[in-house]
Amino acid sequence: MRAIRRGRPLGSGTFPSREECLAALRDAAQAVRRQGKRPTQGNVAELLRERGLTIAHEPLETLRYWLRHYGISWRDVVSG
């Protein structure tokens, strides 16, 4: 039996909650570090696009939108 997930489809540009957004951004920042790169907003945004979390033409703008929309500081992302 398949699980049905409600809400927007993957890559549609939003998260169900602030906590889920922050967790996804922190996970991406850690993945960038494991690649031996600095977790800059640009590097994290590109990784999110590669993972299919954003299909936007400009993933950096989407990342910055999420930060503003959910009231998340970049420091919260990279220090977690």
Protein backbone atom coordinates (compact mmCIF):
# COMPACT_ATOMS: atom_id res chain seq x y z
CA MET A 1 0.00 0.00 0.00
CA ARG A 2 1.38 3.42 -0.95
CA ALA A 3 1.54 6.22 1.56
CA ILE A 4 -0.27 9.37 0.53
CA ARG A 5 1.49 12.57 1.35
CA ARG A 6 -0.53 15.74 1.52
CA GLY A 7 0.71 19.18 0.67
CA ARG A 8 2.66 20.65 -2.17
CA PRO A 9 4.67 18.41 -4.45
CA LEU A 10 8.42 18.05 -4.02
CA GLY A 11 10.22 21.03 -5.53
CA SER A 12 7.21 23.32 -5.35
CA GLY A 13 8.97 25.87 -3.21
CA THR A 14 7.76 25.52 0.35
CA PHE A 15 7.92 23.36 3.47
CA PRO A 16 5.08 22.32 5.80
CA SER A 17 6.75 24.04 8.78
CA ARG A 18 9.68 26.17 9.88
CA GLU A 19 11.21 23.19 11.66
CA GLU A 20 11.16 21.04 8.51
CA CYS A 21 12.69 23.83 6.46
CA LEU A 22 15.45 24.40 9.01
CA ALA A 23 16.18 20.67 9.21
CA ALA A 24 16.45 20.40 5.42
CA LEU A 25 18.74 23.43 5.21
CA ARG A 26 20.97 22.16 8.03
CA ASP A 27 21.17 18.75 6.38
CA ALA A 28 22.19 20.38 3.10
CA ALA A 29 24.81 22.53 4.84
CA GLN A 30 26.30 19.42 6.46
CA ALA A 31 26.33 17.62 3.10
CA VAL A 32 28.21 20.55 1.55
CA ARG A 33 30.77 20.34 4.37
CA ARG A 34 31.20 16.60 3.75
CA GLN A 35 32.01 17.47 0.13
CA GLY A 36 34.88 19.58 1.45
CA LYS A 37 33.22 22.89 0.53
CA ARG A 38 32.18 25.88 2.60
CA PRO A 39 28.43 25.88 3.28
CA THR A 40 27.73 29.20 1.57
CA GLN A 41 24.20 30.09 0.56
CA GLY A 42 25.16 29.50 -3.07
CA ASN A 43 26.63 26.05 -2.42
CA VAL A 44 23.66 24.98 -0.29
CA ALA A 45 21.16 26.31 -2.84
CA GLU A 46 22.86 24.37 -5.62
CA LEU A 47 22.79 21.17 -3.56
CA LEU A 48 19.09 21.67 -2.85
CA ARG A 49 18.48 21.98 -6.58
CA GLU A 50 20.47 18.79 -7.22
CA ARG A 51 18.36 17.01 -4.60
CA GLY A 52 15.16 18.19 -6.26
CA LEU A 53 14.01 20.31 -3.33
CA THR A 54 13.75 23.30 -5.59
CA ILE A 55 13.10 23.34 -9.29
CA ALA A 56 13.54 27.08 -9.50
CA HIS A 57 15.70 28.63 -12.17
CA GLU A 58 17.40 30.61 -9.42
CA PRO A 59 17.84 28.27 -6.41
CA LEU A 60 19.67 30.97 -4.45
CA GLU A 61 16.63 33.24 -4.63
CA THR A 62 14.43 30.35 -3.48
CA LEU A 63 16.76 29.67 -0.54
CA ARG A 64 16.68 33.34 0.46
CA TYR A 65 12.89 33.35 0.18
CA TRP A 66 12.70 30.37 2.55
CA LEU A 67 15.00 32.10 5.03
CA ARG A 68 12.79 35.22 5.01
CA HIS A 69 9.47 33.35 4.93
CA TYR A 70 10.30 31.10 7.87
CA GLY A 71 12.32 33.66 9.84
CA ILE A 72 15.51 31.62 9.75
CA SER A 73 18.92 33.26 10.00
CA TRP A 74 21.79 31.86 7.98
CA ARG A 75 23.71 31.49 11.25
CA ASP A 76 21.00 29.09 12.47
CA VAL A 77 21.54 26.97 9.35
CA VAL A 78 25.31 26.70 9.47
CA SER A 79 25.70 26.43 13.24
CA GLY A 80 23.32 23.51 13.61
